[in-house]
C-alpha cells in the first residue's frame, strides 16, 4: 500500500467498508502523486454517508479544529489553511442549483456509484471575482473525463454532458455548484474561499425515471476505476485553481467556449417568450446572447434551455 504524504492523521475505529474505502483513496492519490500530479496542500476526508458534502465543508469551516475528530484525514496535511476535499460514497441530501436534489446513492452492494465531493478552496489577495469558478471547474471535469477516453461538452453555467452510447442525444454526467465567500484577513488581504460541489456519475447503471443522467460506464461501455477518476479529478481542480489564481477566467474563457455546446446555440430564458443566439462568454463568466434584432445582452445567472438538447 502506498503511504499518505503525511502520517499525522488520527487513528480511529472504522467499519471494514470505510477503512477499505479510505485505503483505496490513499492508494490512488499516492499513485497519482508518484506520477507527478499536483496534489500538494490538499487534505482529504472520506465518509461512507453524509447529508451533503457541501454541508460538511460548511461544518469544517465553522469548526475546523473539531472536524478531524469526526473523520480522520486520509490524505494530506491537516492544517486549517490547506485546501480541503470531502468525499462521500453516498449523500442523503445532495443538492444542485436552486436547491434541487442530486441523485447520489451508492451502487448495489455498497460500492461507490458516483463521485460526490466538495472542495474548500482558499485564495488570498485574489483580484478576480470567484463567480466564474464553477465554469473553471467544468474544464477540470472535462479534462478528467478525456483522460479516461470520454469526450464531454460544457453547458452554461455548470453542467457537463456526454453523448449516450450509439446515440445523438446528450445527457448530463456531472453537475457543479459553487458557493463563494470572504473570510479573515490573512495579512496579505482578505481570504476568499469557494465551496465547490461536484457530482460525477461513474458506475451507475440505472437512474430514476425523472433523472436524465448518464454515467461513465454507460457512456464508455466499461467501468473505470472510481478511485483513479477521483484522484485525477482532484489534481485537475488544483491545476485549474492555480491557472485561475494567475490570470482569472479571462485567460480560460476561450478554452471553455471551444469545449462547450454554446457556440451559436439557440437559447431560451425563463419567463421570456423570445429566443436568443449564444455569441460568447465574458471575462467574468457571463453568457453573451443576442436577440433576433441583433441586440446583445449578457446573462450572469439563472436557468437556460438550449434548443435541441
C-alpha atoms as a PDB file:
ATOM      1  CA  UNK A   1       0.000   0.000   0.000  1.00  0.00           C
ATOM      2  CA  UNK A   2       1.261   3.485  -0.856  1.00  0.00           C
ATOM      3  CA  UNK A   3       1.589   5.654   2.213  1.00  0.00           C
ATOM      4  CA  UNK A   4      -0.076   9.039   2.619  1.00  0.00           C
ATOM      5  CA  UNK A   5       2.103  12.114   2.145  1.00  0.00           C
ATOM      6  CA  UNK A   6       1.982  12.615   5.927  1.00  0.00           C
ATOM      7  CA  UNK A   7       1.416  10.482   8.992  1.00  0.00           C
ATOM      8  CA  UNK A   8      -0.268  12.797  11.488  1.00  0.00           C
ATOM      9  CA  UNK A   9      -3.823  11.744  10.564  1.00  0.00           C
ATOM     10  CA  UNK A  10      -5.621  10.423  13.578  1.00  0.00           C
ATOM     11  CA  UNK A  11      -6.357   6.743  14.051  1.00  0.00           C
ATOM     12  CA  UNK A  12      -9.888   5.721  14.895  1.00  0.00           C
ATOM     13  CA  UNK A  13     -12.132   2.681  14.852  1.00  0.00           C
ATOM     14  CA  UNK A  14     -13.671   2.319  11.407  1.00  0.00           C
ATOM     15  CA  UNK A  15     -16.047  -0.123   9.821  1.00  0.00           C
ATOM     16  CA  UNK A  16     -14.220  -2.523   7.466  1.00  0.00           C
ATOM     17  CA  UNK A  17     -16.016  -0.950   4.492  1.00  0.00           C
ATOM     18  CA  UNK A  18     -14.966   2.590   5.384  1.00  0.00           C
ATOM     19  CA  UNK A  19     -11.418   1.528   6.246  1.00  0.00           C
ATOM     20  CA  UNK A  20     -11.146  -0.146   2.832  1.00  0.00           C
ATOM     21  CA  UNK A  21     -12.630   2.909   1.109  1.00  0.00           C
ATOM     22  CA  UNK A  22     -10.124   5.271   2.750  1.00  0.00           C
ATOM     23  CA  UNK A  23      -7.218   2.953   1.994  1.00  0.00           C
ATOM     24  CA  UNK A  24      -8.228   2.911  -1.677  1.00  0.00           C
ATOM     25  CA  UNK A  25      -8.409   6.719  -1.679  1.00  0.00           C
ATOM     26  CA  UNK A  26      -4.893   6.902  -0.187  1.00  0.00           C
ATOM     27  CA  UNK A  27      -3.514   4.426  -2.717  1.00  0.00           C
ATOM     28  CA  UNK A  28      -4.991   6.242  -5.713  1.00  0.00           C
ATOM     29  CA  UNK A  29      -3.841   9.670  -4.532  1.00  0.00           C
ATOM     30  CA  UNK A  30      -0.412   8.246  -3.772  1.00  0.00           C
ATOM     31  CA  UNK A  31      -0.150   6.725  -7.236  1.00  0.00           C
ATOM     32  CA  UNK A  32      -1.192   9.963  -8.932  1.00  0.00           C
ATOM     33  CA  UNK A  33       1.354  11.830  -6.784  1.00  0.00           C
ATOM     34  CA  UNK A  34       4.100   9.417  -7.921  1.00  0.00           C
ATOM     35  CA  UNK A  35       3.049  10.123 -11.497  1.00  0.00           C
ATOM     36  CA  UNK A  36       3.790  13.807 -10.896  1.00  0.00           C
ATOM     37  CA  UNK A  37       0.246  15.067 -10.473  1.00  0.00           C
ATOM     38  CA  UNK A  38      -0.300  18.151  -8.329  1.00  0.00           C
ATOM     39  CA  UNK A  39      -1.973  17.161  -5.053  1.00  0.00           C
ATOM     40  CA  UNK A  40       0.102  19.377  -2.743  1.00  0.00           C
ATOM     41  CA  UNK A  41      -1.649  21.094   0.133  1.00  0.00           C
ATOM     42  CA  UNK A  42      -4.888  19.151  -0.199  1.00  0.00           C
ATOM     43  CA  UNK A  43      -6.413  17.495   2.874  1.00  0.00           C
ATOM     44  CA  UNK A  44      -8.830  14.688   2.068  1.00  0.00           C
ATOM     45  CA  UNK A  45     -11.600  13.390   4.362  1.00  0.00           C
ATOM     46  CA  UNK A  46     -13.703  10.385   3.347  1.00  0.00           C
ATOM     47  CA  UNK A  47     -17.094   9.201   4.627  1.00  0.00           C
ATOM     48  CA  UNK A  48     -19.457   6.372   3.838  1.00  0.00           C
ATOM     49  CA  UNK A  49     -22.509   8.644   4.024  1.00  0.00           C
ATOM     50  CA  UNK A  50     -23.220  12.340   4.529  1.00  0.00           C
ATOM     51  CA  UNK A  51     -26.229  14.563   4.233  1.00  0.00           C
ATOM     52  CA  UNK A  52     -24.262  16.694   1.769  1.00  0.00           C
ATOM     53  CA  UNK A  53     -20.559  17.154   1.147  1.00  0.00           C
ATOM     54  CA  UNK A  54     -21.171  20.881   0.743  1.00  0.00           C
ATOM     55  CA  UNK A  55     -22.813  20.975   4.174  1.00  0.00           C
ATOM     56  CA  UNK A  56     -19.803  19.090   5.544  1.00  0.00           C
ATOM     57  CA  UNK A  57     -17.479  21.757   4.118  1.00  0.00           C
ATOM     58  CA  UNK A  58     -19.547  24.390   5.923  1.00  0.00           C
ATOM     59  CA  UNK A  59     -19.203  22.454   9.174  1.00  0.00           C
ATOM     60  CA  UNK A  60     -15.453  22.218   8.613  1.00  0.00           C
ATOM     61  CA  UNK A  61     -15.253  25.976   8.038  1.00  0.00           C
ATOM     62  CA  UNK A  62     -17.187  26.710  11.206  1.00  0.00           C
ATOM     63  CA  UNK A  63     -15.097  24.428  13.436  1.00  0.00           C
ATOM     64  CA  UNK A  64     -12.016  23.052  11.640  1.00  0.00           C
ATOM     65  CA  UNK A  65     -10.266  22.025  14.855  1.00  0.00           C
ATOM     66  CA  UNK A  66     -13.120  19.652  15.721  1.00  0.00           C
ATOM     67  CA  UNK A  67     -13.553  18.129  12.295  1.00  0.00           C
ATOM     68  CA  UNK A  68     -10.651  15.601  12.323  1.00  0.00           C
ATOM     69  CA  UNK A  69     -12.113  14.003  15.444  1.00  0.00           C
ATOM     70  CA  UNK A  70     -15.208  13.179  13.418  1.00  0.00           C
ATOM     71  CA  UNK A  71     -13.294  11.722  10.491  1.00  0.00           C
ATOM     72  CA  UNK A  72      -9.550  11.269  10.285  1.00  0.00           C
ATOM     73  CA  UNK A  73      -7.829  12.768   7.306  1.00  0.00           C
ATOM     74  CA  UNK A  74      -6.829  10.070   4.818  1.00  0.00           C
ATOM     75  CA  UNK A  75      -4.508  12.172   2.652  1.00  0.00           C
ATOM     76  CA  UNK A  76      -2.521  15.362   3.055  1.00  0.00           C
ATOM     77  CA  UNK A  77      -1.932  17.914   5.820  1.00  0.00           C
ATOM     78  CA  UNK A  78      -4.499  18.768   8.480  1.00  0.00           C
ATOM     79  CA  UNK A  79      -3.570  22.458   8.804  1.00  0.00           C
ATOM     80  CA  UNK A  80      -6.755  24.553   8.582  1.00  0.00           C
ATOM     81  CA  UNK A  81      -5.124  26.815   5.959  1.00  0.00           C
ATOM     82  CA  UNK A  82      -4.870  23.985   3.433  1.00  0.00           C
ATOM     83  CA  UNK A  83      -7.417  23.225   0.733  1.00  0.00           C
ATOM     84  CA  UNK A  84      -9.872  20.506   1.721  1.00  0.00           C
ATOM     85  CA  UNK A  85     -11.641  17.737  -0.178  1.00  0.00           C
ATOM     86  CA  UNK A  86     -14.582  15.923   1.410  1.00  0.00           C
ATOM     87  CA  UNK A  87     -15.781  12.675  -0.178  1.00  0.00           C
ATOM     88  CA  UNK A  88     -18.919  10.647   0.467  1.00  0.00           C
ATOM     89  CA  UNK A  89     -19.867   7.283  -1.011  1.00  0.00           C
ATOM     90  CA  UNK A  90     -23.451   8.482  -0.819  1.00  0.00           C
ATOM     91  CA  UNK A  91     -25.427  11.568   0.189  1.00  0.00           C
ATOM     92  CA  UNK A  92     -28.863  11.674   1.743  1.00  0.00           C
ATOM     93  CA  UNK A  93     -29.477  15.318   0.799  1.00  0.00           C
ATOM     94  CA  UNK A  94     -27.177  16.058  -2.128  1.00  0.00           C
ATOM     95  CA  UNK A  95     -28.166  19.276  -3.834  1.00  0.00           C
ATOM     96  CA  UNK A  96     -27.750  21.063  -7.105  1.00  0.00           C
ATOM     97  CA  UNK A  97     -28.630  24.540  -8.242  1.00  0.00           C
ATOM     98  CA  UNK A  98     -31.836  26.115  -6.904  1.00  0.00           C
ATOM     99  CA  UNK A  99     -31.809  23.546  -4.056  1.00  0.00           C
ATOM    100  CA  UNK A 100     -32.669  20.700  -6.424  1.00  0.00           C
ATOM    101  CA  UNK A 101     -31.913  17.210  -5.195  1.00  0.00           C
ATOM    102  CA  UNK A 102     -28.869  15.482  -6.716  1.00  0.00           C
ATOM    103  CA  UNK A 103     -29.352  11.727  -7.057  1.00  0.00           C
ATOM    104  CA  UNK A 104     -26.367  10.410  -5.088  1.00  0.00           C
ATOM    105  CA  UNK A 105     -26.788   6.903  -3.774  1.00  0.00           C
ATOM    106  CA  UNK A 106     -24.186   4.143  -3.735  1.00  0.00           C
ATOM    107  CA  UNK A 107     -24.355   1.219  -6.143  1.00  0.00           C
ATOM    108  CA  UNK A 108     -25.602  -2.284  -5.415  1.00  0.00           C
ATOM    109  CA  UNK A 109     -23.538  -3.962  -2.729  1.00  0.00           C
ATOM    110  CA  UNK A 110     -22.479  -0.646  -1.203  1.00  0.00           C
ATOM    111  CA  UNK A 111     -19.861   0.223  -3.832  1.00  0.00           C
ATOM    112  CA  UNK A 112     -19.419   3.869  -4.689  1.00  0.00           C
ATOM    113  CA  UNK A 113     -21.648   4.661  -7.658  1.00  0.00           C
ATOM    114  CA  UNK A 114     -20.736   8.263  -8.306  1.00  0.00           C
ATOM    115  CA  UNK A 115     -18.156  10.750  -7.140  1.00  0.00           C
ATOM    116  CA  UNK A 116     -19.833  13.040  -4.608  1.00  0.00           C
ATOM    117  CA  UNK A 117     -17.312  15.559  -3.362  1.00  0.00           C
ATOM    118  CA  UNK A 118     -16.870  19.130  -2.240  1.00  0.00           C
ATOM    119  CA  UNK A 119     -13.692  21.168  -2.262  1.00  0.00           C
ATOM    120  CA  UNK A 120     -12.968  24.017   0.105  1.00  0.00           C
ATOM    121  CA  UNK A 121     -10.541  26.092  -1.959  1.00  0.00           C
ATOM    122  CA  UNK A 122      -8.851  29.087  -0.381  1.00  0.00           C
ATOM    123  CA  UNK A 123      -7.490  32.144  -2.153  1.00  0.00           C
ATOM    124  CA  UNK A 124      -5.508  35.104  -0.813  1.00  0.00           C
ATOM    125  CA  UNK A 125      -5.243  38.545  -2.395  1.00  0.00           C
ATOM    126  CA  UNK A 126      -7.244  37.430  -5.425  1.00  0.00           C
ATOM    127  CA  UNK A 127      -8.050  40.198  -7.882  1.00  0.00           C
ATOM    128  CA  UNK A 128     -10.579  38.175  -9.906  1.00  0.00           C
ATOM    129  CA  UNK A 129     -14.218  37.543  -8.979  1.00  0.00           C
ATOM    130  CA  UNK A 130     -14.940  33.996  -7.851  1.00  0.00           C
ATOM    131  CA  UNK A 131     -18.365  33.951  -9.503  1.00  0.00           C
ATOM    132  CA  UNK A 132     -16.910  32.189 -12.559  1.00  0.00           C
ATOM    133  CA  UNK A 133     -15.183  29.372 -10.705  1.00  0.00           C
ATOM    134  CA  UNK A 134     -17.865  26.767 -11.422  1.00  0.00           C
ATOM    135  CA  UNK A 135     -17.062  27.302 -15.118  1.00  0.00           C
ATOM    136  CA  UNK A 136     -13.380  26.714 -14.370  1.00  0.00           C
ATOM    137  CA  UNK A 137     -14.303  23.522 -12.515  1.00  0.00           C
ATOM    138  CA  UNK A 138     -16.195  22.366 -15.602  1.00  0.00           C
ATOM    139  CA  UNK A 139     -12.906  22.448 -17.511  1.00  0.00           C
ATOM    140  CA  UNK A 140     -11.323  20.293 -14.799  1.00  0.00           C
ATOM    141  CA  UNK A 141     -14.125  17.713 -15.108  1.00  0.00           C
ATOM    142  CA  UNK A 142     -13.916  17.771 -18.888  1.00  0.00           C
ATOM    143  CA  UNK A 143     -10.166  17.135 -18.835  1.00  0.00           C
ATOM    144  CA  UNK A 144     -10.577  14.333 -16.285  1.00  0.00           C
ATOM    145  CA  UNK A 145     -13.132  12.582 -18.474  1.00  0.00           C
ATOM    146  CA  UNK A 146     -10.852  12.953 -21.511  1.00  0.00           C
ATOM    147  CA  UNK A 147      -8.104  11.168 -19.564  1.00  0.00           C
ATOM    148  CA  UNK A 148     -10.425   8.159 -19.370  1.00  0.00           C
ATOM    149  CA  UNK A 149     -11.356   8.315 -23.048  1.00  0.00           C
ATOM    150  CA  UNK A 150     -14.626  10.200 -22.801  1.00  0.00           C
ATOM    151  CA  UNK A 151     -15.413  13.343 -24.816  1.00  0.00           C
ATOM    152  CA  UNK A 152     -17.519  15.739 -22.777  1.00  0.00           C
ATOM    153  CA  UNK A 153     -19.151  19.066 -23.523  1.00  0.00           C
ATOM    154  CA  UNK A 154     -19.911  22.011 -21.267  1.00  0.00           C
ATOM    155  CA  UNK A 155     -23.327  23.637 -20.918  1.00  0.00           C
ATOM    156  CA  UNK A 156     -23.514  27.054 -19.313  1.00  0.00           C
ATOM    157  CA  UNK A 157     -23.318  27.599 -16.463  1.00  0.00           C
ATOM    158  CA  UNK A 158     -22.370  24.378 -14.699  1.00  0.00           C
ATOM    159  CA  UNK A 159     -23.375  21.143 -16.439  1.00  0.00           C
ATOM    160  CA  UNK A 160     -21.144  18.606 -18.162  1.00  0.00           C
ATOM    161  CA  UNK A 161     -22.769  16.486 -20.869  1.00  0.00           C
ATOM    162  CA  UNK A 162     -21.748  13.464 -22.935  1.00  0.00           C
ATOM    163  CA  UNK A 163     -23.308  11.610 -25.810  1.00  0.00           C
ATOM    164  CA  UNK A 164     -25.198   8.485 -24.874  1.00  0.00           C
ATOM    165  CA  UNK A 165     -23.593   5.390 -26.396  1.00  0.00           C
ATOM    166  CA  UNK A 166     -24.766   4.806 -30.008  1.00  0.00           C
ATOM    167  CA  UNK A 167     -26.932   7.908 -29.771  1.00  0.00           C
ATOM    168  CA  UNK A 168     -27.022  11.552 -30.826  1.00  0.00           C
ATOM    169  CA  UNK A 169     -28.618  12.574 -27.535  1.00  0.00           C
ATOM    170  CA  UNK A 170     -26.590  14.448 -24.916  1.00  0.00           C
ATOM    171  CA  UNK A 171     -27.107  13.542 -21.269  1.00  0.00           C
ATOM    172  CA  UNK A 172     -25.809  15.038 -18.049  1.00  0.00           C
ATOM    173  CA  UNK A 173     -22.878  13.211 -16.492  1.00  0.00           C
ATOM    174  CA  UNK A 174     -21.791  15.851 -13.997  1.00  0.00           C
ATOM    175  CA  UNK A 175     -23.211  18.817 -12.151  1.00  0.00           C
ATOM    176  CA  UNK A 176     -21.307  21.549 -10.346  1.00  0.00           C
ATOM    177  CA  UNK A 177     -22.313  24.000  -7.664  1.00  0.00           C
ATOM    178  CA  UNK A 178     -20.051  26.711  -6.247  1.00  0.00           C
ATOM    179  CA  UNK A 179     -20.643  28.996  -3.300  1.00  0.00           C
ATOM    180  CA  UNK A 180     -18.114  31.744  -2.581  1.00  0.00           C
ATOM    181  CA  UNK A 181     -17.370  33.937   0.400  1.00  0.00           C
ATOM    182  CA  UNK A 182     -14.810  36.023   2.258  1.00  0.00           C
ATOM    183  CA  UNK A 183     -13.026  35.042   5.448  1.00  0.00           C
ATOM    184  CA  UNK A 184     -10.464  36.542   7.782  1.00  0.00           C
ATOM    185  CA  UNK A 185      -7.661  38.950   6.935  1.00  0.00           C
ATOM    186  CA  UNK A 186      -4.546  36.839   6.317  1.00  0.00           C
ATOM    187  CA  UNK A 187      -2.145  39.800   6.409  1.00  0.00           C
ATOM    188  CA  UNK A 188      -1.995  39.602   2.611  1.00  0.00           C
ATOM    189  CA  UNK A 189      -5.591  40.662   2.198  1.00  0.00           C
ATOM    190  CA  UNK A 190      -8.918  39.054   2.941  1.00  0.00           C
ATOM    191  CA  UNK A 191      -9.035  35.312   2.459  1.00  0.00           C
ATOM    192  CA  UNK A 192     -11.569  34.290  -0.162  1.00  0.00           C
ATOM    193  CA  UNK A 193     -12.950  30.795  -0.497  1.00  0.00           C
ATOM    194  CA  UNK A 194     -15.056  28.603  -2.735  1.00  0.00           C
ATOM    195  CA  UNK A 195     -17.158  25.665  -1.579  1.00  0.00           C
ATOM    196  CA  UNK A 196     -17.221  23.656  -4.807  1.00  0.00           C
ATOM    197  CA  UNK A 197     -19.582  20.689  -5.023  1.00  0.00           C
ATOM    198  CA  UNK A 198     -19.142  18.134  -7.812  1.00  0.00           C
ATOM    199  CA  UNK A 199     -21.379  15.184  -8.573  1.00  0.00           C
ATOM    200  CA  UNK A 200     -19.886  12.952 -11.273  1.00  0.00           C
ATOM    201  CA  UNK A 201     -21.698   9.782 -12.353  1.00  0.00           C
ATOM    202  CA  UNK A 202     -19.173   6.945 -12.585  1.00  0.00           C
ATOM    203  CA  UNK A 203     -20.559   3.417 -12.346  1.00  0.00           C
ATOM    204  CA  UNK A 204     -24.331   3.777 -12.002  1.00  0.00           C
ATOM    205  CA  UNK A 205     -26.263   1.620 -14.441  1.00  0.00           C
ATOM    206  CA  UNK A 206     -29.722   2.940 -13.673  1.00  0.00           C
ATOM    207  CA  UNK A 207     -31.225   6.312 -12.816  1.00  0.00           C
ATOM    208  CA  UNK A 208     -34.709   7.244 -11.606  1.00  0.00           C
ATOM    209  CA  UNK A 209     -37.135   7.972 -14.440  1.00  0.00           C
ATOM    210  CA  UNK A 210     -37.107  11.686 -13.635  1.00  0.00           C
ATOM    211  CA  UNK A 211     -33.293  11.890 -13.739  1.00  0.00           C
ATOM    212  CA  UNK A 212     -31.991  12.206 -17.339  1.00  0.00           C
ATOM    213  CA  UNK A 213     -28.473  11.238 -16.332  1.00  0.00           C
ATOM    214  CA  UNK A 214     -25.725   9.056 -17.716  1.00  0.00           C
ATOM    215  CA  UNK A 215     -22.660   7.522 -16.088  1.00  0.00           C
ATOM    216  CA  UNK A 216     -19.127   6.904 -17.296  1.00  0.00           C
ATOM    217  CA  UNK A 217     -19.761   3.172 -17.502  1.00  0.00           C
ATOM    218  CA  UNK A 218     -22.849   3.741 -19.657  1.00  0.00           C
ATOM    219  CA  UNK A 219     -21.028   6.134 -21.980  1.00  0.00           C
ATOM    220  CA  UNK A 220     -17.783   4.141 -22.211  1.00  0.00           C
ATOM    221  CA  UNK A 221     -19.184   0.625 -22.129  1.00  0.00           C
ATOM    222  CA  UNK A 222     -16.671  -0.305 -19.437  1.00  0.00           C
ATOM    223  CA  UNK A 223     -16.168   0.514 -15.772  1.00  0.00           C
ATOM    224  CA  UNK A 224     -13.370   2.987 -14.970  1.00  0.00           C
ATOM    225  CA  UNK A 225     -11.514   2.801 -11.665  1.00  0.00           C
ATOM    226  CA  UNK A 226     -13.516   5.014  -9.313  1.00  0.00           C
ATOM    227  CA  UNK A 227     -10.523   5.926  -7.159  1.00  0.00           C
ATOM    228  CA  UNK A 228      -8.245   6.902 -10.040  1.00  0.00           C
ATOM    229  CA  UNK A 229     -11.024   9.040 -11.537  1.00  0.00           C
ATOM    230  CA  UNK A 230     -11.374  10.708  -8.131  1.00  0.00           C
ATOM    231  CA  UNK A 231      -7.635  11.363  -7.756  1.00  0.00           C
ATOM    232  CA  UNK A 232      -7.359  12.669 -11.315  1.00  0.00           C
ATOM    233  CA  UNK A 233     -10.304  14.998 -10.738  1.00  0.00           C
ATOM    234  CA  UNK A 234      -8.705  16.385  -7.576  1.00  0.00           C
ATOM    235  CA  UNK A 235      -5.436  17.032  -9.411  1.00  0.00           C
ATOM    236  CA  UNK A 236      -7.220  18.797 -12.280  1.00  0.00           C
ATOM    237  CA  UNK A 237      -9.211  21.009  -9.901  1.00  0.00           C
ATOM    238  CA  UNK A 238      -5.977  22.073  -8.185  1.00  0.00           C
ATOM    239  CA  UNK A 239      -4.285  22.729 -11.544  1.00  0.00           C
ATOM    240  CA  UNK A 240      -7.174  24.883 -12.729  1.00  0.00           C
ATOM    241  CA  UNK A 241      -7.279  26.669  -9.389  1.00  0.00           C
ATOM    242  CA  UNK A 242      -3.640  27.657  -9.965  1.00  0.00           C
ATOM    243  CA  UNK A 243      -4.404  28.861 -13.502  1.00  0.00           C
ATOM    244  CA  UNK A 244      -7.380  30.850 -12.239  1.00  0.00           C
ATOM    245  CA  UNK A 245      -5.280  32.467  -9.489  1.00  0.00           C
ATOM    246  CA  UNK A 246      -2.717  33.540 -12.064  1.00  0.00           C
ATOM    247  CA  UNK A 247      -4.978  35.091 -14.695  1.00  0.00           C
ATOM    248  CA  UNK A 248      -8.642  34.699 -13.798  1.00  0.00           C
ATOM    249  CA  UNK A 249     -11.351  33.279 -16.027  1.00  0.00           C
ATOM    250  CA  UNK A 250     -10.455  35.673 -18.865  1.00  0.00           C
ATOM    251  CA  UNK A 251      -7.440  33.509 -19.736  1.00  0.00           C
ATOM    252  CA  UNK A 252      -9.580  30.345 -19.735  1.00  0.00           C
ATOM    253  CA  UNK A 253     -12.735  31.541 -21.451  1.00  0.00           C
ATOM    254  CA  UNK A 254     -11.639  30.591 -24.984  1.00  0.00           C
ATOM    255  CA  UNK A 255     -10.926  27.026 -23.883  1.00  0.00           C
ATOM    256  CA  UNK A 256     -14.286  26.922 -22.103  1.00  0.00           C
ATOM    257  CA  UNK A 257     -16.148  28.198 -25.164  1.00  0.00           C
ATOM    258  CA  UNK A 258     -14.361  25.775 -27.509  1.00  0.00           C
ATOM    259  CA  UNK A 259     -15.310  22.860 -25.256  1.00  0.00           C
ATOM    260  CA  UNK A 260     -18.937  23.889 -24.874  1.00  0.00           C
ATOM    261  CA  UNK A 261     -22.192  23.324 -26.732  1.00  0.00           C
ATOM    262  CA  UNK A 262     -22.944  27.016 -26.588  1.00  0.00           C
ATOM    263  CA  UNK A 263     -21.497  28.413 -29.834  1.00  0.00           C
ATOM    264  CA  UNK A 264     -24.416  29.668 -31.951  1.00  0.00           C
ATOM    265  CA  UNK A 265     -26.841  27.669 -29.799  1.00  0.00           C
ATOM    266  CA  UNK A 266     -30.447  28.832 -29.717  1.00  0.00           C
ATOM    267  CA  UNK A 267     -31.171  29.863 -26.136  1.00  0.00           C
ATOM    268  CA  UNK A 268     -34.431  30.288 -24.275  1.00  0.00           C
ATOM    269  CA  UNK A 269     -34.664  32.097 -20.952  1.00  0.00           C
ATOM    270  CA  UNK A 270     -37.251  31.549 -18.200  1.00  0.00           C
ATOM    271  CA  UNK A 271     -40.265  33.866 -18.286  1.00  0.00           C
ATOM    272  CA  UNK A 272     -39.210  35.113 -21.710  1.00  0.00           C
ATOM    273  CA  UNK A 273     -41.019  34.146 -24.904  1.00  0.00           C
ATOM    274  CA  UNK A 274     -38.132  35.193 -27.144  1.00  0.00           C
ATOM    275  CA  UNK A 275     -35.219  33.165 -28.415  1.00  0.00           C
ATOM    276  CA  UNK A 276     -31.583  34.171 -28.487  1.00  0.00           C
ATOM    277  CA  UNK A 277     -28.322  33.091 -30.041  1.00  0.00           C
ATOM    278  CA  UNK A 278     -25.367  32.432 -27.755  1.00  0.00           C
ATOM    279  CA  UNK A 279     -22.499  34.563 -29.056  1.00  0.00           C
ATOM    280  CA  UNK A 280     -19.746  34.390 -26.443  1.00  0.00           C
ATOM    281  CA  UNK A 281     -18.757  34.393 -22.816  1.00  0.00           C
ATOM    282  CA  UNK A 282     -17.449  37.309 -20.773  1.00  0.00           C
ATOM    283  CA  UNK A 283     -14.307  37.642 -18.686  1.00  0.00           C
ATOM    284  CA  UNK A 284     -16.348  37.017 -15.533  1.00  0.00           C
ATOM    285  CA  UNK A 285     -18.314  34.097 -16.941  1.00  0.00           C
ATOM    286  CA  UNK A 286     -21.498  35.811 -18.095  1.00  0.00           C
ATOM    287  CA  UNK A 287     -23.163  34.304 -21.176  1.00  0.00           C
ATOM    288  CA  UNK A 288     -23.389  36.748 -24.078  1.00  0.00           C
ATOM    289  CA  UNK A 289     -26.500  36.401 -26.220  1.00  0.00           C
ATOM    290  CA  UNK A 290     -28.198  38.361 -28.999  1.00  0.00           C
ATOM    291  CA  UNK A 291     -31.848  38.536 -29.979  1.00  0.00           C
ATOM    292  CA  UNK A 292     -33.371  38.286 -33.456  1.00  0.00           C
ATOM    293  CA  UNK A 293     -32.808  42.015 -33.982  1.00  0.00           C
ATOM    294  CA  UNK A 294     -29.104  41.740 -33.197  1.00  0.00           C
ATOM    295  CA  UNK A 295     -29.335  43.394 -29.783  1.00  0.00           C
ATOM    296  CA  UNK A 296     -26.796  41.987 -27.324  1.00  0.00           C
ATOM    297  CA  UNK A 297     -27.085  41.318 -23.614  1.00  0.00           C
ATOM    298  CA  UNK A 298     -25.295  39.252 -21.000  1.00  0.00           C
ATOM    299  CA  UNK A 299     -26.821  36.675 -18.645  1.00  0.00           C
ATOM    300  CA  UNK A 300     -24.961  36.263 -15.367  1.00  0.00           C
ATOM    301  CA  UNK A 301     -27.058  33.627 -13.624  1.00  0.00           C
ATOM    302  CA  UNK A 302     -30.204  31.598 -13.879  1.00  0.00           C
ATOM    303  CA  UNK A 303     -31.585  28.742 -15.925  1.00  0.00           C
ATOM    304  CA  UNK A 304     -31.366  28.458 -19.695  1.00  0.00           C
ATOM    305  CA  UNK A 305     -32.649  25.963 -22.221  1.00  0.00           C
ATOM    306  CA  UNK A 306     -30.768  25.048 -25.381  1.00  0.00           C
ATOM    307  CA  UNK A 307     -32.939  24.036 -28.312  1.00  0.00           C
ATOM    308  CA  UNK A 308     -32.147  20.524 -29.467  1.00  0.00           C
ATOM    309  CA  UNK A 309     -30.509  19.379 -26.202  1.00  0.00           C
END
